């Protein structure tokens, strides 16, 4: 069997790095699209950098995407790149639209022109459900996004379906609910908590500042979720899938678990709630119904909520100890 090749946009991010590991383990030739910046951040892929081929390109630049597809000649394309931080999407709504919405179209257009037979994965998001119309949310739940990021993701989702229906291309969307890991960016609330707790544990900080503790999310482990992405592209026909644990936990629960991981039972002494950190429009209650993925893809999450929190806190303690040396 000939070696398959995959092109991954957003390879330096949390999901991109886990996906690259998975693809390498399955003997793929892996290409990653990276933006030229004055300070490239390859931290998450440092351990596999010699095994993958990085191609310079940008979702804002059509020509670079076409060139990347020509160069990688991919069997599979995973579009994970986006302006992916919800809070930033209010201060940079136009840029978010350019990357997270139109960037998908540019990528699909590059594929359509160069290699229309390649299979395409679009990273959709539970933020598309926003003000939820039903609980739990499945592939049939109507979208009502509550942030410029969510709106842009809805566009990316529908344009992928549009190319599937218009050009008979193999495009799928994974509607992924929140998925975290030790590789999550520090601006995300889960990592802010695990890193903050690690600092308090090591006596490097006295408290953490957080926003809405009552916000509830369906949190899974990113390493489990990239496997679902791969499985979607191994099917005979393209379709869209919700990927979620089906469990709901509040930010406060995440905080409590994180402090318990370092033996602190009264977390309230270490947390300050700041109104400025609340979102202009909050997503109330996200919980995913991944019945279809479990049935068709035979996928299920392996890491529990408690295991995930412990893993993140432990990793941040090790990271801080290493840095202080």
C-alpha atoms as a PDB file:
ATOM      1  CA  UNK A   1       0.000   0.000   0.000  1.00  0.00           C
ATOM      2  CA  UNK A   2       1.367   3.399  -0.990  1.00  0.00           C
ATOM      3  CA  UNK A   3       2.165   5.801   1.828  1.00  0.00           C
ATOM      4  CA  UNK A   4      -0.621   8.331   2.346  1.00  0.00           C
ATOM      5  CA  UNK A   5       0.144  12.020   2.662  1.00  0.00           C
ATOM      6  CA  UNK A   6      -1.717  14.587   4.751  1.00  0.00           C
ATOM      7  CA  UNK A   7      -1.614  18.373   4.850  1.00  0.00           C
ATOM      8  CA  UNK A   8      -2.464  19.895   8.244  1.00  0.00           C
ATOM      9  CA  UNK A   9      -3.168  23.601   8.662  1.00  0.00           C
ATOM     10  CA  UNK A  10      -2.704  24.808  12.231  1.00  0.00           C
ATOM     11  CA  UNK A  11      -0.111  22.084  12.862  1.00  0.00           C
ATOM     12  CA  UNK A  12       1.630  24.133  15.563  1.00  0.00           C
ATOM     13  CA  UNK A  13      -1.574  24.328  17.634  1.00  0.00           C
ATOM     14  CA  UNK A  14      -2.924  21.941  20.250  1.00  0.00           C
ATOM     15  CA  UNK A  15      -4.972  19.771  17.882  1.00  0.00           C
ATOM     16  CA  UNK A  16      -2.468  19.993  15.039  1.00  0.00           C
ATOM     17  CA  UNK A  17       0.341  18.611  17.175  1.00  0.00           C
ATOM     18  CA  UNK A  18      -1.709  15.670  18.476  1.00  0.00           C
ATOM     19  CA  UNK A  19      -3.015  14.949  14.981  1.00  0.00           C
ATOM     20  CA  UNK A  20       0.500  15.029  13.505  1.00  0.00           C
ATOM     21  CA  UNK A  21       1.619  12.450  16.111  1.00  0.00           C
ATOM     22  CA  UNK A  22      -1.337  10.222  15.266  1.00  0.00           C
ATOM     23  CA  UNK A  23      -0.724  10.442  11.503  1.00  0.00           C
ATOM     24  CA  UNK A  24       2.995   9.712  11.902  1.00  0.00           C
ATOM     25  CA  UNK A  25       2.129   6.649  14.001  1.00  0.00           C
ATOM     26  CA  UNK A  26      -0.052   5.522  11.071  1.00  0.00           C
ATOM     27  CA  UNK A  27       2.868   5.979   8.679  1.00  0.00           C
ATOM     28  CA  UNK A  28       1.604   9.085   6.851  1.00  0.00           C
ATOM     29  CA  UNK A  29       3.869  11.601   5.190  1.00  0.00           C
ATOM     30  CA  UNK A  30       2.856  14.706   7.143  1.00  0.00           C
ATOM     31  CA  UNK A  31       3.005  18.258   5.815  1.00  0.00           C
ATOM     32  CA  UNK A  32       2.171  21.207   8.010  1.00  0.00           C
ATOM     33  CA  UNK A  33       1.177  24.695   6.892  1.00  0.00           C
ATOM     34  CA  UNK A  34       2.845  27.382   9.018  1.00  0.00           C
ATOM     35  CA  UNK A  35       2.550  31.131   8.933  1.00  0.00           C
ATOM     36  CA  UNK A  36       5.703  33.180   8.645  1.00  0.00           C
ATOM     37  CA  UNK A  37       6.123  35.129  11.882  1.00  0.00           C
ATOM     38  CA  UNK A  38       9.154  36.857  13.344  1.00  0.00           C
ATOM     39  CA  UNK A  39       8.963  34.511  16.353  1.00  0.00           C
ATOM     40  CA  UNK A  40       7.734  31.094  15.153  1.00  0.00           C
ATOM     41  CA  UNK A  41       6.236  28.999  17.924  1.00  0.00           C
ATOM     42  CA  UNK A  42       7.060  25.352  17.242  1.00  0.00           C
ATOM     43  CA  UNK A  43       7.007  24.365  20.923  1.00  0.00           C
ATOM     44  CA  UNK A  44       4.210  21.797  20.534  1.00  0.00           C
ATOM     45  CA  UNK A  45       5.802  20.029  17.554  1.00  0.00           C
ATOM     46  CA  UNK A  46       9.451  20.310  18.605  1.00  0.00           C
ATOM     47  CA  UNK A  47       9.667  16.566  19.361  1.00  0.00           C
ATOM     48  CA  UNK A  48       8.452  15.604  15.847  1.00  0.00           C
ATOM     49  CA  UNK A  49       9.752  18.528  13.797  1.00  0.00           C
ATOM     50  CA  UNK A  50      12.345  16.368  12.033  1.00  0.00           C
ATOM     51  CA  UNK A  51       9.629  13.901  10.943  1.00  0.00           C
ATOM     52  CA  UNK A  52       7.260  16.397   9.311  1.00  0.00           C
ATOM     53  CA  UNK A  53       7.644  18.828   6.452  1.00  0.00           C
ATOM     54  CA  UNK A  54       6.618  22.411   7.106  1.00  0.00           C
ATOM     55  CA  UNK A  55       5.319  24.526   4.215  1.00  0.00           C
ATOM     56  CA  UNK A  56       5.037  28.300   4.561  1.00  0.00           C
ATOM     57  CA  UNK A  57       1.508  29.533   3.880  1.00  0.00           C
ATOM     58  CA  UNK A  58      -1.333  31.616   5.209  1.00  0.00           C
ATOM     59  CA  UNK A  59      -5.117  31.202   5.200  1.00  0.00           C
ATOM     60  CA  UNK A  60      -5.341  34.849   4.115  1.00  0.00           C
ATOM     61  CA  UNK A  61      -3.259  34.210   0.996  1.00  0.00           C
ATOM     62  CA  UNK A  62      -4.881  32.144  -1.751  1.00  0.00           C
ATOM     63  CA  UNK A  63      -1.698  31.682  -3.766  1.00  0.00           C
ATOM     64  CA  UNK A  64       0.224  30.198  -0.832  1.00  0.00           C
ATOM     65  CA  UNK A  65      -2.537  27.653  -0.204  1.00  0.00           C
ATOM     66  CA  UNK A  66      -2.620  26.563  -3.837  1.00  0.00           C
ATOM     67  CA  UNK A  67       1.169  26.172  -3.740  1.00  0.00           C
ATOM     68  CA  UNK A  68       0.952  24.155  -0.493  1.00  0.00           C
ATOM     69  CA  UNK A  69      -1.545  21.720  -2.043  1.00  0.00           C
ATOM     70  CA  UNK A  70       0.639  21.352  -5.138  1.00  0.00           C
ATOM     71  CA  UNK A  71       3.709  20.712  -3.013  1.00  0.00           C
ATOM     72  CA  UNK A  72       2.132  18.218  -0.588  1.00  0.00           C
ATOM     73  CA  UNK A  73      -0.143  16.462  -3.119  1.00  0.00           C
ATOM     74  CA  UNK A  74      -2.285  15.308  -0.166  1.00  0.00           C
ATOM     75  CA  UNK A  75      -4.679  12.388   0.165  1.00  0.00           C
ATOM     76  CA  UNK A  76      -6.159  14.130   3.193  1.00  0.00           C
ATOM     77  CA  UNK A  77      -6.327  17.767   4.296  1.00  0.00           C
ATOM     78  CA  UNK A  78      -7.126  18.760   7.877  1.00  0.00           C
ATOM     79  CA  UNK A  79      -8.090  22.416   8.203  1.00  0.00           C
ATOM     80  CA  UNK A  80      -7.446  23.173  11.870  1.00  0.00           C
ATOM     81  CA  UNK A  81      -6.056  26.692  11.521  1.00  0.00           C
ATOM     82  CA  UNK A  82      -8.267  29.555  12.698  1.00  0.00           C
ATOM     83  CA  UNK A  83      -8.340  32.570  14.942  1.00  0.00           C
ATOM     84  CA  UNK A  84      -9.524  30.181  17.613  1.00  0.00           C
ATOM     85  CA  UNK A  85      -9.829  32.238  20.781  1.00  0.00           C
ATOM     86  CA  UNK A  86     -13.452  33.251  21.357  1.00  0.00           C
ATOM     87  CA  UNK A  87     -12.653  36.302  23.532  1.00  0.00           C
ATOM     88  CA  UNK A  88     -10.357  37.778  20.853  1.00  0.00           C
ATOM     89  CA  UNK A  89     -13.119  37.490  18.258  1.00  0.00           C
ATOM     90  CA  UNK A  90     -14.927  40.467  19.832  1.00  0.00           C
ATOM     91  CA  UNK A  91     -11.880  42.731  19.611  1.00  0.00           C
ATOM     92  CA  UNK A  92     -10.849  41.402  16.164  1.00  0.00           C
ATOM     93  CA  UNK A  93     -14.109  40.392  14.465  1.00  0.00           C
ATOM     94  CA  UNK A  94     -13.014  41.133  10.892  1.00  0.00           C
ATOM     95  CA  UNK A  95      -9.721  39.250  11.216  1.00  0.00           C
ATOM     96  CA  UNK A  96     -11.619  36.339  12.801  1.00  0.00           C
ATOM     97  CA  UNK A  97     -13.935  36.283   9.771  1.00  0.00           C
ATOM     98  CA  UNK A  98     -10.987  36.379   7.355  1.00  0.00           C
ATOM     99  CA  UNK A  99      -9.231  33.400   8.985  1.00  0.00           C
ATOM    100  CA  UNK A 100     -12.010  31.321  10.428  1.00  0.00           C
ATOM    101  CA  UNK A 101     -14.633  31.793   7.689  1.00  0.00           C
ATOM    102  CA  UNK A 102     -13.059  32.892   4.395  1.00  0.00           C
ATOM    103  CA  UNK A 103      -9.875  30.937   5.124  1.00  0.00           C
ATOM    104  CA  UNK A 104     -11.922  27.734   4.768  1.00  0.00           C
ATOM    105  CA  UNK A 105     -13.169  28.842   1.338  1.00  0.00           C
ATOM    106  CA  UNK A 106      -9.635  29.632   0.194  1.00  0.00           C
ATOM    107  CA  UNK A 107      -8.465  26.192   1.297  1.00  0.00           C
ATOM    108  CA  UNK A 108     -11.382  24.452  -0.450  1.00  0.00           C
ATOM    109  CA  UNK A 109     -10.772  26.492  -3.589  1.00  0.00           C
ATOM    110  CA  UNK A 110      -7.085  25.488  -3.610  1.00  0.00           C
ATOM    111  CA  UNK A 111      -8.140  21.847  -3.305  1.00  0.00           C
ATOM    112  CA  UNK A 112     -10.821  22.102  -5.952  1.00  0.00           C
ATOM    113  CA  UNK A 113      -8.334  23.508  -8.441  1.00  0.00           C
ATOM    114  CA  UNK A 114      -5.346  21.296  -7.663  1.00  0.00           C
ATOM    115  CA  UNK A 115      -6.566  18.063  -6.098  1.00  0.00           C
ATOM    116  CA  UNK A 116     -10.336  17.792  -5.867  1.00  0.00           C
ATOM    117  CA  UNK A 117     -10.176  14.077  -4.979  1.00  0.00           C
ATOM    118  CA  UNK A 118      -8.405  14.730  -1.682  1.00  0.00           C
ATOM    119  CA  UNK A 119     -10.492  14.248   1.459  1.00  0.00           C
ATOM    120  CA  UNK A 120     -11.058  17.426   3.484  1.00  0.00           C
ATOM    121  CA  UNK A 121     -11.691  17.822   7.210  1.00  0.00           C
ATOM    122  CA  UNK A 122     -13.099  21.099   8.551  1.00  0.00           C
ATOM    123  CA  UNK A 123     -12.787  21.895  12.251  1.00  0.00           C
ATOM    124  CA  UNK A 124     -16.289  23.008  13.196  1.00  0.00           C
ATOM    125  CA  UNK A 125     -17.125  23.981  16.763  1.00  0.00           C
ATOM    126  CA  UNK A 126     -19.769  23.594  19.450  1.00  0.00           C
ATOM    127  CA  UNK A 127     -19.678  27.417  19.686  1.00  0.00           C
ATOM    128  CA  UNK A 128     -21.881  27.339  16.546  1.00  0.00           C
ATOM    129  CA  UNK A 129     -24.789  26.208  18.772  1.00  0.00           C
ATOM    130  CA  UNK A 130     -24.391  29.236  21.052  1.00  0.00           C
ATOM    131  CA  UNK A 131     -27.804  30.019  22.449  1.00  0.00           C
ATOM    132  CA  UNK A 132     -28.846  26.408  22.359  1.00  0.00           C
ATOM    133  CA  UNK A 133     -32.180  25.368  20.913  1.00  0.00           C
ATOM    134  CA  UNK A 134     -32.137  21.891  22.514  1.00  0.00           C
ATOM    135  CA  UNK A 135     -30.088  19.877  24.963  1.00  0.00           C
ATOM    136  CA  UNK A 136     -27.977  17.898  24.282  1.00  0.00           C
ATOM    137  CA  UNK A 137     -26.854  19.210  20.886  1.00  0.00           C
ATOM    138  CA  UNK A 138     -26.585  16.824  17.907  1.00  0.00           C
ATOM    139  CA  UNK A 139     -25.869  17.180  14.189  1.00  0.00           C
ATOM    140  CA  UNK A 140     -29.511  18.232  13.699  1.00  0.00           C
ATOM    141  CA  UNK A 141     -29.555  21.034  16.308  1.00  0.00           C
ATOM    142  CA  UNK A 142     -29.996  24.519  14.723  1.00  0.00           C
ATOM    143  CA  UNK A 143     -27.107  26.967  15.094  1.00  0.00           C
ATOM    144  CA  UNK A 144     -27.392  30.263  16.986  1.00  0.00           C
ATOM    145  CA  UNK A 145     -23.797  31.470  17.456  1.00  0.00           C
ATOM    146  CA  UNK A 146     -23.106  34.009  20.210  1.00  0.00           C
ATOM    147  CA  UNK A 147     -19.693  35.360  19.203  1.00  0.00           C
ATOM    148  CA  UNK A 148     -17.963  36.540  16.015  1.00  0.00           C
ATOM    149  CA  UNK A 149     -15.915  33.323  16.315  1.00  0.00           C
ATOM    150  CA  UNK A 150     -19.072  31.176  16.409  1.00  0.00           C
ATOM    151  CA  UNK A 151     -20.530  33.049  13.432  1.00  0.00           C
ATOM    152  CA  UNK A 152     -17.323  32.541  11.426  1.00  0.00           C
ATOM    153  CA  UNK A 153     -17.325  28.827  12.276  1.00  0.00           C
ATOM    154  CA  UNK A 154     -20.911  28.501  10.987  1.00  0.00           C
ATOM    155  CA  UNK A 155     -19.760  29.967   7.669  1.00  0.00           C
ATOM    156  CA  UNK A 156     -16.823  27.530   7.515  1.00  0.00           C
ATOM    157  CA  UNK A 157     -19.161  24.652   8.301  1.00  0.00           C
ATOM    158  CA  UNK A 158     -21.696  25.514   5.601  1.00  0.00           C
ATOM    159  CA  UNK A 159     -19.145  26.325   2.912  1.00  0.00           C
ATOM    160  CA  UNK A 160     -17.662  22.835   3.444  1.00  0.00           C
ATOM    161  CA  UNK A 161     -21.097  21.292   2.951  1.00  0.00           C
ATOM    162  CA  UNK A 162     -21.618  23.546  -0.074  1.00  0.00           C
ATOM    163  CA  UNK A 163     -18.441  22.307  -1.779  1.00  0.00           C
ATOM    164  CA  UNK A 164     -19.457  18.719  -1.008  1.00  0.00           C
ATOM    165  CA  UNK A 165     -22.851  19.226  -2.652  1.00  0.00           C
ATOM    166  CA  UNK A 166     -21.728  21.503  -5.506  1.00  0.00           C
ATOM    167  CA  UNK A 167     -18.505  19.796  -6.598  1.00  0.00           C
ATOM    168  CA  UNK A 168     -18.948  16.292  -5.213  1.00  0.00           C
ATOM    169  CA  UNK A 169     -15.877  16.759  -3.009  1.00  0.00           C
ATOM    170  CA  UNK A 170     -15.222  14.600   0.060  1.00  0.00           C
ATOM    171  CA  UNK A 171     -15.609  17.225   2.796  1.00  0.00           C
ATOM    172  CA  UNK A 172     -16.521  16.479   6.396  1.00  0.00           C
ATOM    173  CA  UNK A 173     -16.966  18.681   9.449  1.00  0.00           C
ATOM    174  CA  UNK A 174     -16.264  17.606  12.996  1.00  0.00           C
ATOM    175  CA  UNK A 175     -18.429  19.640  15.381  1.00  0.00           C
ATOM    176  CA  UNK A 176     -16.039  19.334  18.279  1.00  0.00           C
ATOM    177  CA  UNK A 177     -17.024  20.312  21.777  1.00  0.00           C
ATOM    178  CA  UNK A 178     -14.370  21.795  24.061  1.00  0.00           C
ATOM    179  CA  UNK A 179     -11.262  19.660  24.152  1.00  0.00           C
ATOM    180  CA  UNK A 180      -8.289  20.435  26.324  1.00  0.00           C
ATOM    181  CA  UNK A 181      -4.796  19.153  27.098  1.00  0.00           C
ATOM    182  CA  UNK A 182      -1.470  20.224  28.567  1.00  0.00           C
ATOM    183  CA  UNK A 183      -0.833  21.796  25.122  1.00  0.00           C
ATOM    184  CA  UNK A 184      -3.797  24.166  25.384  1.00  0.00           C
ATOM    185  CA  UNK A 185      -2.885  27.863  25.039  1.00  0.00           C
ATOM    186  CA  UNK A 186      -2.545  29.824  28.291  1.00  0.00           C
ATOM    187  CA  UNK A 187      -5.350  32.208  27.261  1.00  0.00           C
ATOM    188  CA  UNK A 188      -7.953  29.406  27.509  1.00  0.00           C
ATOM    189  CA  UNK A 189      -9.742  29.122  30.848  1.00  0.00           C
ATOM    190  CA  UNK A 190      -8.859  25.456  31.490  1.00  0.00           C
ATOM    191  CA  UNK A 191      -5.147  26.050  31.010  1.00  0.00           C
ATOM    192  CA  UNK A 192      -5.343  29.318  32.924  1.00  0.00           C
ATOM    193  CA  UNK A 193      -6.709  27.265  35.838  1.00  0.00           C
ATOM    194  CA  UNK A 194      -4.231  24.360  35.628  1.00  0.00           C
ATOM    195  CA  UNK A 195      -1.268  26.723  35.225  1.00  0.00           C
ATOM    196  CA  UNK A 196      -2.530  29.007  37.994  1.00  0.00           C
ATOM    197  CA  UNK A 197      -3.026  26.095  40.401  1.00  0.00           C
ATOM    198  CA  UNK A 198       0.465  24.800  39.582  1.00  0.00           C
ATOM    199  CA  UNK A 199       1.906  28.253  40.395  1.00  0.00           C
ATOM    200  CA  UNK A 200      -0.002  28.429  43.683  1.00  0.00           C
ATOM    201  CA  UNK A 201       1.186  24.904  44.535  1.00  0.00           C
ATOM    202  CA  UNK A 202       4.800  25.921  43.883  1.00  0.00           C
ATOM    203  CA  UNK A 203       4.287  29.177  45.848  1.00  0.00           C
ATOM    204  CA  UNK A 204       4.874  31.278  42.731  1.00  0.00           C
ATOM    205  CA  UNK A 205       1.424  32.930  42.957  1.00  0.00           C
ATOM    206  CA  UNK A 206      -1.278  33.613  45.533  1.00  0.00           C
ATOM    207  CA  UNK A 207      -4.469  33.584  43.464  1.00  0.00           C
ATOM    208  CA  UNK A 208      -6.067  33.173  40.007  1.00  0.00           C
ATOM    209  CA  UNK A 209      -8.353  35.718  38.362  1.00  0.00           C
ATOM    210  CA  UNK A 210     -11.297  34.147  36.511  1.00  0.00           C
ATOM    211  CA  UNK A 211     -14.540  35.199  34.837  1.00  0.00           C
ATOM    212  CA  UNK A 212     -17.865  33.363  34.946  1.00  0.00           C
ATOM    213  CA  UNK A 213     -17.496  30.297  37.191  1.00  0.00           C
ATOM    214  CA  UNK A 214     -20.995  29.111  36.332  1.00  0.00           C
ATOM    215  CA  UNK A 215     -20.374  28.664  32.587  1.00  0.00           C
ATOM    216  CA  UNK A 216     -20.797  24.992  31.720  1.00  0.00           C
ATOM    217  CA  UNK A 217     -18.955  23.059  29.052  1.00  0.00           C
ATOM    218  CA  UNK A 218     -18.564  19.548  27.691  1.00  0.00           C
ATOM    219  CA  UNK A 219     -14.808  19.010  28.091  1.00  0.00           C
ATOM    220  CA  UNK A 220     -12.801  16.174  26.557  1.00  0.00           C
ATOM    221  CA  UNK A 221      -9.149  15.358  25.863  1.00  0.00           C
ATOM    222  CA  UNK A 222      -7.707  16.695  22.594  1.00  0.00           C
ATOM    223  CA  UNK A 223      -5.735  13.485  22.012  1.00  0.00           C
ATOM    224  CA  UNK A 224      -9.024  11.530  21.878  1.00  0.00           C
ATOM    225  CA  UNK A 225     -10.665  14.066  19.576  1.00  0.00           C
ATOM    226  CA  UNK A 226      -8.027  14.052  16.823  1.00  0.00           C
ATOM    227  CA  UNK A 227      -8.634  10.341  16.445  1.00  0.00           C
ATOM    228  CA  UNK A 228     -12.251  11.145  15.561  1.00  0.00           C
ATOM    229  CA  UNK A 229     -11.027  13.564  12.863  1.00  0.00           C
ATOM    230  CA  UNK A 230      -8.967  10.810  11.270  1.00  0.00           C
ATOM    231  CA  UNK A 231     -11.830   8.306  11.473  1.00  0.00           C
ATOM    232  CA  UNK A 232     -14.157  10.692   9.612  1.00  0.00           C
ATOM    233  CA  UNK A 233     -11.837  10.709   6.614  1.00  0.00           C
ATOM    234  CA  UNK A 234     -11.619   6.897   6.564  1.00  0.00           C
ATOM    235  CA  UNK A 235     -15.347   6.501   5.861  1.00  0.00           C
ATOM    236  CA  UNK A 236     -16.797   5.626   2.451  1.00  0.00           C
ATOM    237  CA  UNK A 237     -18.967   8.697   2.325  1.00  0.00           C
ATOM    238  CA  UNK A 238     -18.533  12.191   3.745  1.00  0.00           C
ATOM    239  CA  UNK A 239     -20.696  13.343   6.630  1.00  0.00           C
ATOM    240  CA  UNK A 240     -20.638  15.650   9.661  1.00  0.00           C
ATOM    241  CA  UNK A 241     -20.284  14.468  13.254  1.00  0.00           C
ATOM    242  CA  UNK A 242     -20.636  15.872  16.757  1.00  0.00           C
ATOM    243  CA  UNK A 243     -17.666  14.856  18.912  1.00  0.00           C
ATOM    244  CA  UNK A 244     -18.276  15.203  22.649  1.00  0.00           C
ATOM    245  CA  UNK A 245     -18.205  13.372  25.975  1.00  0.00           C
ATOM    246  CA  UNK A 246     -21.885  13.982  26.714  1.00  0.00           C
ATOM    247  CA  UNK A 247     -20.949  15.208  30.203  1.00  0.00           C
ATOM    248  CA  UNK A 248     -21.377  18.720  31.493  1.00  0.00           C
ATOM    249  CA  UNK A 249     -19.093  20.460  33.972  1.00  0.00           C
ATOM    250  CA  UNK A 250     -18.909  24.042  35.212  1.00  0.00           C
ATOM    251  CA  UNK A 251     -15.776  26.174  35.356  1.00  0.00           C
ATOM    252  CA  UNK A 252     -16.138  25.979  39.131  1.00  0.00           C
ATOM    253  CA  UNK A 253     -15.956  22.164  38.994  1.00  0.00           C
ATOM    254  CA  UNK A 254     -12.792  22.409  36.897  1.00  0.00           C
ATOM    255  CA  UNK A 255     -11.313  24.746  39.531  1.00  0.00           C
ATOM    256  CA  UNK A 256     -12.288  22.432  42.387  1.00  0.00           C
ATOM    257  CA  UNK A 257     -10.778  19.347  40.680  1.00  0.00           C
ATOM    258  CA  UNK A 258      -7.590  21.257  39.860  1.00  0.00           C
ATOM    259  CA  UNK A 259      -7.055  22.377  43.462  1.00  0.00           C
ATOM    260  CA  UNK A 260      -7.871  18.883  44.741  1.00  0.00           C
ATOM    261  CA  UNK A 261      -5.119  17.540  42.471  1.00  0.00           C
ATOM    262  CA  UNK A 262      -2.582  19.460  44.619  1.00  0.00           C
ATOM    263  CA  UNK A 263      -4.295  18.674  47.926  1.00  0.00           C
ATOM    264  CA  UNK A 264      -6.085  22.005  48.470  1.00  0.00           C
ATOM    265  CA  UNK A 265      -9.695  21.483  49.521  1.00  0.00           C
ATOM    266  CA  UNK A 266     -10.766  25.117  50.057  1.00  0.00           C
ATOM    267  CA  UNK A 267     -10.156  26.685  46.641  1.00  0.00           C
ATOM    268  CA  UNK A 268     -12.249  29.821  47.351  1.00  0.00           C
ATOM    269  CA  UNK A 269      -9.294  31.510  49.096  1.00  0.00           C
ATOM    270  CA  UNK A 270      -7.283  31.423  45.878  1.00  0.00           C
ATOM    271  CA  UNK A 271      -9.797  32.540  43.231  1.00  0.00           C
ATOM    272  CA  UNK A 272     -10.859  36.100  42.416  1.00  0.00           C
ATOM    273  CA  UNK A 273     -13.821  36.564  40.083  1.00  0.00           C
ATOM    274  CA  UNK A 274     -13.443  39.560  37.762  1.00  0.00           C
ATOM    275  CA  UNK A 275     -16.425  41.009  35.913  1.00  0.00           C
ATOM    276  CA  UNK A 276     -14.119  42.230  33.103  1.00  0.00           C
ATOM    277  CA  UNK A 277     -13.392  38.595  32.229  1.00  0.00           C
ATOM    278  CA  UNK A 278     -17.057  37.772  31.523  1.00  0.00           C
ATOM    279  CA  UNK A 279     -18.009  37.446  27.829  1.00  0.00           C
ATOM    280  CA  UNK A 280     -20.350  40.075  26.276  1.00  0.00           C
ATOM    281  CA  UNK A 281     -22.705  37.225  25.325  1.00  0.00           C
ATOM    282  CA  UNK A 282     -22.351  33.929  27.141  1.00  0.00           C
ATOM    283  CA  UNK A 283     -23.018  30.468  25.764  1.00  0.00           C
ATOM    284  CA  UNK A 284     -25.147  28.899  28.450  1.00  0.00           C
ATOM    285  CA  UNK A 285     -25.201  25.185  28.368  1.00  0.00           C
ATOM    286  CA  UNK A 286     -23.157  23.193  25.890  1.00  0.00           C
ATOM    287  CA  UNK A 287     -23.388  19.419  26.020  1.00  0.00           C
ATOM    288  CA  UNK A 288     -22.897  17.212  22.999  1.00  0.00           C
ATOM    289  CA  UNK A 289     -24.735  14.141  21.753  1.00  0.00           C
ATOM    290  CA  UNK A 290     -22.109  12.066  19.944  1.00  0.00           C
ATOM    291  CA  UNK A 291     -24.341   9.022  19.360  1.00  0.00           C
ATOM    292  CA  UNK A 292     -23.743   9.133  15.601  1.00  0.00           C
ATOM    293  CA  UNK A 293     -19.938   9.211  15.942  1.00  0.00           C
ATOM    294  CA  UNK A 294     -20.022   6.379  18.473  1.00  0.00           C
ATOM    295  CA  UNK A 295     -22.161   4.277  16.141  1.00  0.00           C
ATOM    296  CA  UNK A 296     -20.743   5.065  12.687  1.00  0.00           C
ATOM    297  CA  UNK A 297     -17.104   5.818  13.539  1.00  0.00           C
ATOM    298  CA  UNK A 298     -16.992   3.491  16.566  1.00  0.00           C
ATOM    299  CA  UNK A 299     -15.346   6.370  18.431  1.00  0.00           C
ATOM    300  CA  UNK A 300     -15.555   7.100  22.116  1.00  0.00           C
ATOM    301  CA  UNK A 301     -13.590   9.312  24.509  1.00  0.00           C
ATOM    302  CA  UNK A 302     -11.042   7.462  26.652  1.00  0.00           C
ATOM    303  CA  UNK A 303      -9.879  10.136  29.117  1.00  0.00           C
ATOM    304  CA  UNK A 304     -12.337  11.170  31.865  1.00  0.00           C
ATOM    305  CA  UNK A 305     -12.916  14.739  33.058  1.00  0.00           C
ATOM    306  CA  UNK A 306     -11.089  14.049  36.343  1.00  0.00           C
ATOM    307  CA  UNK A 307      -8.136  12.440  34.536  1.00  0.00           C
ATOM    308  CA  UNK A 308      -7.934  15.392  32.158  1.00  0.00           C
ATOM    309  CA  UNK A 309      -7.793  17.982  34.949  1.00  0.00           C
ATOM    310  CA  UNK A 310      -5.146  16.001  36.868  1.00  0.00           C
ATOM    311  CA  UNK A 311      -3.082  15.512  33.695  1.00  0.00           C
ATOM    312  CA  UNK A 312      -3.085  19.260  32.989  1.00  0.00           C
ATOM    313  CA  UNK A 313      -2.172  20.298  36.538  1.00  0.00           C
ATOM    314  CA  UNK A 314       0.621  17.695  36.778  1.00  0.00           C
ATOM    315  CA  UNK A 315       2.020  18.778  33.411  1.00  0.00           C
ATOM    316  CA  UNK A 316       2.008  22.465  34.419  1.00  0.00           C
ATOM    317  CA  UNK A 317       3.785  21.713  37.692  1.00  0.00           C
ATOM    318  CA  UNK A 318       6.491  19.846  35.732  1.00  0.00           C
ATOM    319  CA  UNK A 319       6.716  22.671  33.188  1.00  0.00           C
ATOM    320  CA  UNK A 320       7.162  25.356  35.862  1.00  0.00           C
ATOM    321  CA  UNK A 321       9.748  23.273  37.709  1.00  0.00           C
ATOM    322  CA  UNK A 322      11.688  22.739  34.492  1.00  0.00           C
ATOM    323  CA  UNK A 323      11.561  26.462  33.637  1.00  0.00           C
ATOM    324  CA  UNK A 324      12.733  27.504  37.094  1.00  0.00           C
ATOM    325  CA  UNK A 325      15.817  25.338  36.686  1.00  0.00           C
END
